[in-house]
Amino acid sequence: MVKTAIVPLTLRPHLVFFLIKELTGSSKNFAGFKCKTHDLSRESLIGRFIIERLEKIDYPIKSIDKFNFFLEIKNPTRARFIAKGNFYKIENLGKSFVQLPEFYRDEVNDLIEQQFRTAFYSYISANSDNDETISKAILKFIDKYDLFEAGFSQASLRKLYYRMREAGGVCASLQGKLPRK
């Protein structure tokens, strides 16, 4: 009998909504919940990042071919949704046991956050040319990625847009630490 372990990585809720729309995957039932799964290659940027940072515990790491990425949206009440995203790597415990340290879990979130902010800034810049259309573009972006459900407001994203614009655009954050929302 093959025993397996799961190496989880929880994503920030707005990143789950973002990735649901941006990644290709398939819907499956997992532990009684409907979720969307995505295979992430070990050659992908995120796959390489995670593999290089896994810590060995008691057993050596076996070859890792791919990650499974589950995005789950629950609808417990009315029109409110709860978003949860996890990366999982199933390992054979007879051969290996690994974990991703907490610090690197935050780093993966920041890496995906950078993608989110790049998409956001680019979307708003491409779809607006004055203050009125900036507001409309932000509302379209919120609607596209269901960001009201993740706790975002038009005002908070408007502040983010102007902060990014004043800092020099999408690449400015590559020169320093990623600011929190």
N, C-alpha and C. Protein backbone atom coordinates (compact mmCIF):
# COMPACT_ATOMS: atom_id res chain seq x y z
N MET A 1 0.83 -1.18 0.00
CA MET A 1 0.00 0.00 0.00
C MET A 1 0.88 1.25 0.00
N VAL A 2 0.59 2.17 -0.90
CA VAL A 2 1.37 3.39 -1.02
C VAL A 2 0.73 4.46 -0.15
N LYS A 3 1.50 5.01 0.77
CA LYS A 3 1.02 6.11 1.61
C LYS A 3 1.47 7.41 0.97
N THR A 4 0.63 8.44 1.05
CA THR A 4 1.00 9.72 0.48
C THR A 4 0.83 10.82 1.51
N ALA A 5 1.56 11.88 1.30
CA ALA A 5 1.44 13.08 2.13
C ALA A 5 1.18 14.25 1.21
N ILE A 6 0.63 15.30 1.74
CA ILE A 6 0.34 16.49 0.96
C ILE A 6 1.15 17.64 1.53
N VAL A 7 1.79 18.39 0.64
CA VAL A 7 2.53 19.58 1.02
C VAL A 7 1.67 20.78 0.63
N PRO A 8 0.96 21.40 1.60
CA PRO A 8 0.03 22.48 1.23
C PRO A 8 0.68 23.86 1.19
N LEU A 9 0.08 24.71 0.39
CA LEU A 9 0.44 26.11 0.33
C LEU A 9 -0.85 26.89 0.13
N THR A 10 -1.27 27.64 1.13
CA THR A 10 -2.52 28.38 1.04
C THR A 10 -2.28 29.74 0.40
N LEU A 11 -3.14 30.08 -0.56
CA LEU A 11 -3.03 31.35 -1.26
C LEU A 11 -3.99 32.38 -0.67
N ARG A 12 -3.67 33.64 -0.85
CA ARG A 12 -4.57 34.72 -0.46
C ARG A 12 -5.85 34.62 -1.29
N PRO A 13 -7.01 34.88 -0.69
CA PRO A 13 -8.29 34.67 -1.40
C PRO A 13 -8.40 35.37 -2.75
N HIS A 14 -7.94 36.62 -2.87
CA HIS A 14 -8.07 37.31 -4.17
C HIS A 14 -7.20 36.66 -5.24
N LEU A 15 -6.11 36.03 -4.84
CA LEU A 15 -5.27 35.35 -5.81
C LEU A 15 -5.94 34.09 -6.33
N VAL A 16 -6.75 33.47 -5.49
CA VAL A 16 -7.51 32.29 -5.93
C VAL A 16 -8.48 32.70 -7.03
N PHE A 17 -9.25 33.77 -6.80
CA PHE A 17 -10.19 34.24 -7.81
C PHE A 17 -9.47 34.61 -9.10
N PHE A 18 -8.30 35.23 -8.97
CA PHE A 18 -7.50 35.62 -10.13
C PHE A 18 -7.04 34.38 -10.91
N LEU A 19 -6.50 33.41 -10.20
CA LEU A 19 -5.97 32.22 -10.88
C LEU A 19 -7.07 31.35 -11.49
N ILE A 20 -8.24 31.33 -10.87
CA ILE A 20 -9.35 30.56 -11.43
C ILE A 20 -9.62 31.03 -12.86
N LYS A 21 -9.55 32.33 -13.08
CA LYS A 21 -9.82 32.90 -14.41
C LYS A 21 -8.63 32.79 -15.35
N GLU A 22 -7.43 32.79 -14.81
CA GLU A 22 -6.24 32.88 -15.66
C GLU A 22 -5.59 31.54 -16.01
N LEU A 23 -5.73 30.54 -15.16
CA LEU A 23 -5.10 29.24 -15.44
C LEU A 23 -6.09 28.30 -16.12
N THR A 24 -5.56 27.40 -16.91
CA THR A 24 -6.41 26.36 -17.49
C THR A 24 -6.38 25.17 -16.55
N GLY A 25 -7.51 24.51 -16.43
CA GLY A 25 -7.60 23.36 -15.54
C GLY A 25 -8.90 22.62 -15.78
N SER A 26 -9.18 21.68 -14.91
CA SER A 26 -10.41 20.90 -15.04
C SER A 26 -11.10 20.83 -13.68
N SER A 27 -12.44 20.70 -13.71
CA SER A 27 -13.21 20.58 -12.48
C SER A 27 -13.23 19.13 -12.03
N LYS A 28 -13.04 18.92 -10.74
CA LYS A 28 -13.04 17.58 -10.16
C LYS A 28 -13.66 17.64 -8.78
N ASN A 29 -14.05 16.48 -8.27
CA ASN A 29 -14.49 16.38 -6.88
C ASN A 29 -13.31 15.89 -6.06
N PHE A 30 -13.04 16.59 -4.98
CA PHE A 30 -11.91 16.25 -4.11
C PHE A 30 -12.40 16.34 -2.68
N ALA A 31 -12.37 15.23 -1.98
CA ALA A 31 -12.80 15.16 -0.58
C ALA A 31 -14.23 15.71 -0.41
N GLY A 32 -15.09 15.41 -1.36
CA GLY A 32 -16.49 15.81 -1.26
C GLY A 32 -16.78 17.22 -1.72
N PHE A 33 -15.78 17.95 -2.20
CA PHE A 33 -15.98 19.31 -2.68
C PHE A 33 -15.63 19.40 -4.15
N LYS A 34 -16.39 20.20 -4.86
CA LYS A 34 -16.07 20.46 -6.26
C LYS A 34 -14.96 21.49 -6.29
N CYS A 35 -13.93 21.21 -7.04
CA CYS A 35 -12.82 22.15 -7.13
C CYS A 35 -12.26 22.12 -8.55
N LYS A 36 -11.45 23.09 -8.86
CA LYS A 36 -10.79 23.16 -10.14
C LYS A 36 -9.34 22.79 -9.91
N THR A 37 -8.80 21.88 -10.72
CA THR A 37 -7.41 21.46 -10.53
C THR A 37 -6.57 21.94 -11.70
N HIS A 38 -5.33 22.24 -11.41
CA HIS A 38 -4.38 22.71 -12.41
C HIS A 38 -3.07 21.98 -12.20
N ASP A 39 -2.50 21.45 -13.26
CA ASP A 39 -1.18 20.86 -13.17
C ASP A 39 -0.14 21.95 -13.41
N LEU A 40 0.83 22.02 -12.53
CA LEU A 40 1.93 22.96 -12.68
C LEU A 40 3.20 22.15 -12.92
N SER A 41 3.81 22.36 -14.04
CA SER A 41 5.02 21.64 -14.40
C SER A 41 6.17 22.04 -13.48
N ARG A 42 7.08 21.10 -13.26
CA ARG A 42 8.26 21.44 -12.47
C ARG A 42 9.18 22.39 -13.24
N GLU A 43 8.97 22.49 -14.55
CA GLU A 43 9.75 23.44 -15.36
C GLU A 43 9.14 24.84 -15.34
N SER A 44 7.92 24.98 -14.81
CA SER A 44 7.31 26.31 -14.74
C SER A 44 8.03 27.15 -13.69
N LEU A 45 7.87 28.45 -13.78
CA LEU A 45 8.52 29.36 -12.82
C LEU A 45 8.13 29.01 -11.39
N ILE A 46 6.83 28.84 -11.16
CA ILE A 46 6.35 28.56 -9.80
C ILE A 46 6.78 27.15 -9.36
N GLY A 47 6.76 26.20 -10.28
CA GLY A 47 7.19 24.83 -9.97
C GLY A 47 8.66 24.78 -9.56
N ARG A 48 9.51 25.44 -10.32
CA ARG A 48 10.94 25.49 -9.99
C ARG A 48 11.15 26.19 -8.64
N PHE A 49 10.45 27.28 -8.43
CA PHE A 49 10.57 28.04 -7.19
C PHE A 49 10.25 27.15 -5.99
N ILE A 50 9.16 26.40 -6.08
CA ILE A 50 8.74 25.55 -4.96
C ILE A 50 9.72 24.39 -4.77
N ILE A 51 10.07 23.71 -5.84
CA ILE A 51 10.97 22.55 -5.74
C ILE A 51 12.30 22.92 -5.11
N GLU A 52 12.85 24.07 -5.51
CA GLU A 52 14.15 24.49 -4.98
C GLU A 52 14.11 24.82 -3.50
N ARG A 53 12.91 25.03 -2.96
CA ARG A 53 12.79 25.45 -1.56
C ARG A 53 12.18 24.40 -0.64
N LEU A 54 11.87 23.25 -1.17
CA LEU A 54 11.34 22.18 -0.33
C LEU A 54 12.43 21.73 0.65
N GLU A 55 12.03 21.48 1.87
CA GLU A 55 12.97 20.99 2.88
C GLU A 55 12.77 19.50 3.08
N LYS A 56 13.88 18.79 3.15
CA LYS A 56 13.81 17.37 3.43
C LYS A 56 13.52 17.14 4.90
N ILE A 57 12.70 16.13 5.17
CA ILE A 57 12.44 15.74 6.54
C ILE A 57 12.54 14.21 6.60
N ASP A 58 13.52 13.70 7.26
CA ASP A 58 13.72 12.27 7.51
C ASP A 58 14.07 11.44 6.28
N TYR A 59 13.54 11.77 5.12
CA TYR A 59 13.76 10.96 3.93
C TYR A 59 14.20 11.86 2.78
N PRO A 60 14.97 11.33 1.83
CA PRO A 60 15.37 12.15 0.67
C PRO A 60 14.18 12.43 -0.25
N ILE A 61 14.27 13.53 -0.99
CA ILE A 61 13.21 13.90 -1.93
C ILE A 61 13.35 13.08 -3.20
N LYS A 62 12.26 12.52 -3.65
CA LYS A 62 12.23 11.80 -4.93
C LYS A 62 12.02 12.81 -6.05
N SER A 63 12.18 12.37 -7.26
CA SER A 63 11.95 13.21 -8.42
C SER A 63 10.50 13.71 -8.42
N ILE A 64 10.33 15.00 -8.64
CA ILE A 64 9.00 15.60 -8.67
C ILE A 64 8.66 15.93 -10.12
N ASP A 65 7.59 15.34 -10.62
CA ASP A 65 7.20 15.57 -12.00
C ASP A 65 6.28 16.76 -12.17
N LYS A 66 5.30 16.90 -11.29
CA LYS A 66 4.36 18.02 -11.40
C LYS A 66 3.68 18.25 -10.08
N PHE A 67 3.06 19.42 -9.95
CA PHE A 67 2.28 19.77 -8.79
C PHE A 67 0.81 19.72 -9.17
N ASN A 68 -0.02 19.43 -8.22
CA ASN A 68 -1.46 19.58 -8.41
C ASN A 68 -1.86 20.83 -7.67
N PHE A 69 -2.67 21.64 -8.29
CA PHE A 69 -3.10 22.90 -7.71
C PHE A 69 -4.61 22.89 -7.69
N PHE A 70 -5.20 22.95 -6.50
CA PHE A 70 -6.64 22.90 -6.34
C PHE A 70 -7.17 24.28 -5.98
N LEU A 71 -8.15 24.75 -6.73
CA LEU A 71 -8.84 25.99 -6.40
C LEU A 71 -10.25 25.61 -6.02
N GLU A 72 -10.68 26.02 -4.86
CA GLU A 72 -11.98 25.62 -4.35
C GLU A 72 -12.80 26.86 -4.02
N ILE A 73 -14.02 26.87 -4.51
CA ILE A 73 -14.95 27.95 -4.18
C ILE A 73 -16.15 27.32 -3.50
N LYS A 74 -16.42 27.71 -2.28
CA LYS A 74 -17.58 27.22 -1.55
C LYS A 74 -18.66 28.30 -1.55
N ASN A 75 -19.90 27.90 -1.55
CA ASN A 75 -21.01 28.84 -1.51
C ASN A 75 -21.88 28.48 -0.32
N PRO A 76 -21.47 28.84 0.91
CA PRO A 76 -22.21 28.44 2.10
C PRO A 76 -23.49 29.23 2.35
N THR A 77 -23.52 30.49 1.93
CA THR A 77 -24.71 31.31 2.18
C THR A 77 -24.98 32.20 0.98
N ARG A 78 -26.21 32.32 0.62
CA ARG A 78 -26.69 33.20 -0.46
C ARG A 78 -25.66 33.35 -1.58
N ALA A 79 -25.30 34.58 -1.87
CA ALA A 79 -24.38 34.85 -2.97
C ALA A 79 -22.95 35.07 -2.49
N ARG A 80 -22.67 34.74 -1.25
CA ARG A 80 -21.31 34.91 -0.71
C ARG A 80 -20.48 33.67 -1.02
N PHE A 81 -19.26 33.88 -1.38
CA PHE A 81 -18.37 32.77 -1.70
C PHE A 81 -17.17 32.82 -0.76
N ILE A 82 -16.60 31.66 -0.51
CA ILE A 82 -15.37 31.56 0.25
C ILE A 82 -14.33 30.98 -0.70
N ALA A 83 -13.22 31.65 -0.83
CA ALA A 83 -12.19 31.18 -1.75
C ALA A 83 -11.03 30.57 -0.98
N LYS A 84 -10.53 29.49 -1.49
CA LYS A 84 -9.39 28.84 -0.85
C LYS A 84 -8.55 28.22 -1.96
N GLY A 85 -7.28 28.44 -1.92
CA GLY A 85 -6.40 27.86 -2.93
C GLY A 85 -5.24 27.17 -2.27
N ASN A 86 -4.90 26.01 -2.73
CA ASN A 86 -3.79 25.26 -2.17
C ASN A 86 -2.99 24.60 -3.27
N PHE A 87 -1.68 24.60 -3.13
CA PHE A 87 -0.82 23.77 -3.96
C PHE A 87 -0.60 22.48 -3.19
N TYR A 88 -0.65 21.37 -3.88
CA TYR A 88 -0.37 20.08 -3.24
C TYR A 88 0.64 19.32 -4.08
N LYS A 89 1.58 18.69 -3.43
CA LYS A 89 2.45 17.73 -4.09
C LYS A 89 2.30 16.44 -3.32
N ILE A 90 1.79 15.42 -3.98
CA ILE A 90 1.60 14.14 -3.32
C ILE A 90 2.91 13.36 -3.42
N GLU A 91 3.40 12.93 -2.30
CA GLU A 91 4.67 12.22 -2.21
C GLU A 91 4.46 10.83 -1.63
N ASN A 92 5.27 9.91 -2.04
CA ASN A 92 5.26 8.57 -1.50
C ASN A 92 6.05 8.59 -0.19
N LEU A 93 5.37 8.36 0.94
CA LEU A 93 6.06 8.44 2.24
C LEU A 93 7.07 7.33 2.44
N GLY A 94 6.97 6.25 1.68
CA GLY A 94 7.99 5.21 1.75
C GLY A 94 9.31 5.68 1.17
N LYS A 95 9.25 6.72 0.35
CA LYS A 95 10.46 7.22 -0.32
C LYS A 95 10.88 8.61 0.15
N SER A 96 9.91 9.47 0.48
CA SER A 96 10.29 10.84 0.83
C SER A 96 9.21 11.53 1.65
N PHE A 97 9.60 12.61 2.29
CA PHE A 97 8.68 13.47 3.04
C PHE A 97 9.27 14.86 2.99
N VAL A 98 8.49 15.83 2.49
CA VAL A 98 9.01 17.18 2.32
C VAL A 98 8.01 18.20 2.84
N GLN A 99 8.51 19.42 3.06
CA GLN A 99 7.64 20.52 3.43
C GLN A 99 8.16 21.79 2.79
N LEU A 100 7.28 22.74 2.58
CA LEU A 100 7.65 24.06 2.12
C LEU A 100 7.60 24.99 3.32
N PRO A 101 8.75 25.53 3.74
CA PRO A 101 8.79 26.39 4.93
C PRO A 101 7.86 27.59 4.79
N GLU A 102 7.36 28.08 5.91
CA GLU A 102 6.39 29.18 5.95
C GLU A 102 6.89 30.42 5.20
N PHE A 103 8.16 30.75 5.35
CA PHE A 103 8.71 31.93 4.67
C PHE A 103 8.50 31.83 3.17
N TYR A 104 8.72 30.65 2.60
CA TYR A 104 8.59 30.48 1.16
C TYR A 104 7.13 30.42 0.72
N ARG A 105 6.25 30.02 1.62
CA ARG A 105 4.82 30.09 1.30
C ARG A 105 4.42 31.54 1.06
N ASP A 106 4.94 32.44 1.90
CA ASP A 106 4.69 33.87 1.71
C ASP A 106 5.31 34.37 0.41
N GLU A 107 6.50 33.86 0.08
CA GLU A 107 7.18 34.26 -1.15
C GLU A 107 6.39 33.83 -2.39
N VAL A 108 5.80 32.63 -2.37
CA VAL A 108 4.98 32.18 -3.49
C VAL A 108 3.76 33.08 -3.63
N ASN A 109 3.14 33.42 -2.52
CA ASN A 109 2.00 34.35 -2.55
C ASN A 109 2.43 35.69 -3.15
N ASP A 110 3.60 36.19 -2.75
CA ASP A 110 4.09 37.46 -3.28
C ASP A 110 4.37 37.37 -4.78
N LEU A 111 4.89 36.24 -5.22
CA LEU A 111 5.16 36.04 -6.64
C LEU A 111 3.86 36.09 -7.45
N ILE A 112 2.83 35.42 -6.97
CA ILE A 112 1.54 35.45 -7.66
C ILE A 112 0.88 36.81 -7.51
N GLU A 113 1.09 37.45 -6.36
CA GLU A 113 0.58 38.82 -6.14
C GLU A 113 1.15 39.78 -7.18
N GLN A 114 2.43 39.61 -7.49
CA GLN A 114 3.06 40.46 -8.50
C GLN A 114 2.38 40.26 -9.86
N GLN A 115 2.06 39.03 -10.19
CA GLN A 115 1.34 38.75 -11.44
C GLN A 115 -0.03 39.42 -11.44
N PHE A 116 -0.72 39.32 -10.31
CA PHE A 116 -2.03 39.95 -10.15
C PHE A 116 -1.93 41.46 -10.36
N ARG A 117 -0.96 42.08 -9.72
CA ARG A 117 -0.83 43.54 -9.81
C ARG A 117 -0.43 43.98 -11.21
N THR A 118 0.41 43.19 -11.86
CA THR A 118 0.78 43.50 -13.24
C THR A 118 -0.44 43.44 -14.14
N ALA A 119 -1.24 42.39 -13.98
CA ALA A 119 -2.46 42.26 -14.78
C ALA A 119 -3.41 43.41 -14.47
N PHE A 120 -3.55 43.76 -13.20
CA PHE A 120 -4.44 44.85 -12.79
C PHE A 120 -4.00 46.17 -13.41
N TYR A 121 -2.75 46.53 -13.21
CA TYR A 121 -2.26 47.82 -13.72
C TYR A 121 -2.36 47.89 -15.23
N SER A 122 -1.99 46.83 -15.90
CA SER A 122 -2.04 46.79 -17.36
C SER A 122 -3.48 46.91 -17.86
N TYR A 123 -4.40 46.21 -17.19
CA TYR A 123 -5.81 46.24 -17.57
C TYR A 123 -6.37 47.66 -17.42
N ILE A 124 -6.11 48.29 -16.29
CA ILE A 124 -6.63 49.64 -16.04
C ILE A 124 -6.00 50.63 -17.01
N SER A 125 -4.70 50.55 -17.22
CA SER A 125 -4.02 51.47 -18.14
C SER A 125 -4.54 51.33 -19.57
N ALA A 126 -4.80 50.11 -19.98
CA ALA A 126 -5.27 49.87 -21.35
C ALA A 126 -6.73 50.26 -21.55
N ASN A 127 -7.52 50.25 -20.48
CA ASN A 127 -8.95 50.49 -20.60
C ASN A 127 -9.40 51.84 -20.06
N SER A 128 -8.48 52.76 -19.89
CA SER A 128 -8.87 54.07 -19.34
C SER A 128 -7.98 55.16 -19.90
N ASP A 129 -8.55 56.37 -19.95
CA ASP A 129 -7.75 57.53 -20.35
C ASP A 129 -8.09 58.79 -19.55
N ASN A 130 -9.02 58.67 -18.60
CA ASN A 130 -9.31 59.79 -17.69
C ASN A 130 -9.89 59.22 -16.40
N ASP A 131 -10.14 60.08 -15.41
CA ASP A 131 -10.61 59.61 -14.11
C ASP A 131 -11.92 58.82 -14.18
N GLU A 132 -12.83 59.25 -15.03
CA GLU A 132 -14.11 58.54 -15.12
C GLU A 132 -13.93 57.13 -15.67
N THR A 133 -13.13 57.00 -16.70
CA THR A 133 -12.95 55.65 -17.26
C THR A 133 -12.04 54.79 -16.38
N ILE A 134 -11.21 55.40 -15.58
CA ILE A 134 -10.41 54.63 -14.62
C ILE A 134 -11.36 53.94 -13.64
N SER A 135 -12.34 54.67 -13.14
CA SER A 135 -13.32 54.07 -12.22
C SER A 135 -14.08 52.93 -12.89
N LYS A 136 -14.49 53.14 -14.13
CA LYS A 136 -15.22 52.09 -14.85
C LYS A 136 -14.34 50.89 -15.11
N ALA A 137 -13.08 51.13 -15.47
CA ALA A 137 -12.15 50.03 -15.73
C ALA A 137 -11.90 49.22 -14.46
N ILE A 138 -11.78 49.89 -13.33
CA ILE A 138 -11.58 49.20 -12.05
C ILE A 138 -12.79 48.33 -11.73
N LEU A 139 -13.99 48.86 -11.94
CA LEU A 139 -15.20 48.07 -11.70
C LEU A 139 -15.27 46.85 -12.62
N LYS A 140 -14.85 47.00 -13.87
CA LYS A 140 -14.83 45.86 -14.80
C LYS A 140 -13.82 44.81 -14.32
N PHE A 141 -12.67 45.27 -13.85
CA PHE A 141 -11.65 44.34 -13.35
C PHE A 141 -12.16 43.60 -12.11
N ILE A 142 -12.80 44.33 -11.22
CA ILE A 142 -13.38 43.72 -10.02
C ILE A 142 -14.40 42.66 -10.42
N ASP A 143 -15.25 43.00 -11.38
CA ASP A 143 -16.27 42.06 -11.85
C ASP A 143 -15.64 40.85 -12.54
N LYS A 144 -14.64 41.08 -13.35
CA LYS A 144 -13.98 40.00 -14.09
C LYS A 144 -13.40 38.93 -13.16
N TYR A 145 -12.82 39.36 -12.04
CA TYR A 145 -12.15 38.44 -11.12
C TYR A 145 -12.92 38.23 -9.81
N ASP A 146 -14.17 38.66 -9.73
CA ASP A 146 -15.01 38.48 -8.53
C ASP A 146 -14.32 39.00 -7.27
N LEU A 147 -13.70 40.15 -7.37
CA LEU A 147 -12.89 40.66 -6.26
C LEU A 147 -13.69 41.24 -5.11
N PHE A 148 -14.97 41.59 -5.32
CA PHE A 148 -15.79 42.00 -4.19
C PHE A 148 -15.87 40.86 -3.19
N GLU A 149 -15.94 39.63 -3.69
CA GLU A 149 -16.02 38.44 -2.83
C GLU A 149 -14.74 38.22 -2.04
N ALA A 150 -13.63 38.76 -2.55
CA ALA A 150 -12.35 38.62 -1.86
C ALA A 150 -12.05 39.81 -0.95
N GLY A 151 -13.03 40.70 -0.80
CA GLY A 151 -12.87 41.81 0.13
C GLY A 151 -12.28 43.08 -0.47
N PHE A 152 -12.17 43.16 -1.78
CA PHE A 152 -11.66 44.37 -2.42
C PHE A 152 -12.80 45.33 -2.69
N SER A 153 -12.46 46.61 -2.73
CA SER A 153 -13.43 47.64 -3.09
C SER A 153 -12.84 48.47 -4.23
N GLN A 154 -13.70 49.24 -4.86
CA GLN A 154 -13.22 50.12 -5.92
C GLN A 154 -12.21 51.12 -5.35
N ALA A 155 -12.49 51.63 -4.16
CA ALA A 155 -11.59 52.62 -3.55
C ALA A 155 -10.21 52.03 -3.27
N SER A 156 -10.15 50.80 -2.76
CA SER A 156 -8.84 50.20 -2.44
C SER A 156 -8.04 49.93 -3.71
N LEU A 157 -8.70 49.49 -4.77
CA LEU A 157 -7.99 49.24 -6.02
C LEU A 157 -7.61 50.54 -6.72
N ARG A 158 -8.42 51.55 -6.55
CA ARG A 158 -8.08 52.86 -7.12
C ARG A 158 -6.80 53.39 -6.47
N LYS A 159 -6.71 53.26 -5.14
CA LYS A 159 -5.49 53.66 -4.43
C LYS A 159 -4.28 52.87 -4.93
N LEU A 160 -4.47 51.56 -5.11
CA LEU A 160 -3.38 50.71 -5.61
C LEU A 160 -2.94 51.18 -6.99
N TYR A 161 -3.89 51.46 -7.85
CA TYR A 161 -3.55 51.90 -9.22
C TYR A 161 -2.74 53.19 -9.19
N TYR A 162 -3.21 54.17 -8.44
CA TYR A 162 -2.49 55.45 -8.39
C TYR A 162 -1.13 55.32 -7.72
N ARG A 163 -1.04 54.48 -6.71
CA ARG A 163 0.25 54.23 -6.05
C ARG A 163 1.23 53.59 -7.03
N MET A 164 0.74 52.62 -7.83
CA MET A 164 1.61 51.98 -8.82
C MET A 164 2.01 52.96 -9.91
N ARG A 165 1.07 53.79 -10.34
CA ARG A 165 1.36 54.76 -11.40
C ARG A 165 2.40 55.77 -10.93
N GLU A 166 2.27 56.26 -9.70
CA GLU A 166 3.24 57.22 -9.16
C GLU A 166 4.61 56.58 -8.97
N ALA A 167 4.64 55.28 -8.69
CA ALA A 167 5.91 54.58 -8.48
C ALA A 167 6.63 54.28 -9.79
N GLY A 168 5.92 54.42 -10.92
CA GLY A 168 6.58 54.19 -12.20
C GLY A 168 6.00 53.04 -13.01
N GLY A 169 4.91 52.44 -12.57
CA GLY A 169 4.27 51.39 -13.36
C GLY A 169 4.52 50.00 -12.82
N VAL A 170 4.38 49.01 -13.70
CA VAL A 170 4.40 47.62 -13.25
C VAL A 170 5.78 47.12 -12.86
N CYS A 171 6.82 47.64 -13.45
CA CYS A 171 8.17 47.12 -13.14
C CYS A 171 8.82 47.80 -11.95
N ALA A 172 8.23 48.87 -11.45
CA ALA A 172 8.83 49.59 -10.32
C ALA A 172 8.99 48.70 -9.10
N SER A 173 8.05 47.78 -8.89
CA SER A 173 8.14 46.93 -7.69
C SER A 173 9.26 45.90 -7.80
N LEU A 174 9.83 45.71 -8.98
CA LEU A 174 10.97 44.79 -9.12
C LEU A 174 12.22 45.36 -8.45
N GLN A 175 12.21 46.65 -8.18
CA GLN A 175 13.37 47.30 -7.58
C GLN A 175 13.33 47.32 -6.06
N GLY A 176 12.22 46.92 -5.48
CA GLY A 176 12.11 46.96 -4.03
C GLY A 176 11.14 45.90 -3.55
N LYS A 177 10.80 45.98 -2.30
CA LYS A 177 9.87 45.03 -1.69
C LYS A 177 8.45 45.30 -2.17
N LEU A 178 7.69 44.24 -2.39
CA LEU A 178 6.31 44.35 -2.83
C LEU A 178 5.48 44.95 -1.71
N PRO A 179 4.89 46.15 -1.93
CA PRO A 179 4.08 46.75 -0.87
C PRO A 179 2.77 45.99 -0.68
N ARG A 180 2.29 45.92 0.52
CA ARG A 180 1.00 45.26 0.83
C ARG A 180 -0.11 46.18 0.40
N LYS A 181 -1.33 45.59 0.22
CA LYS A 181 -2.45 46.40 -0.26
C LYS A 181 -2.90 47.43 0.69
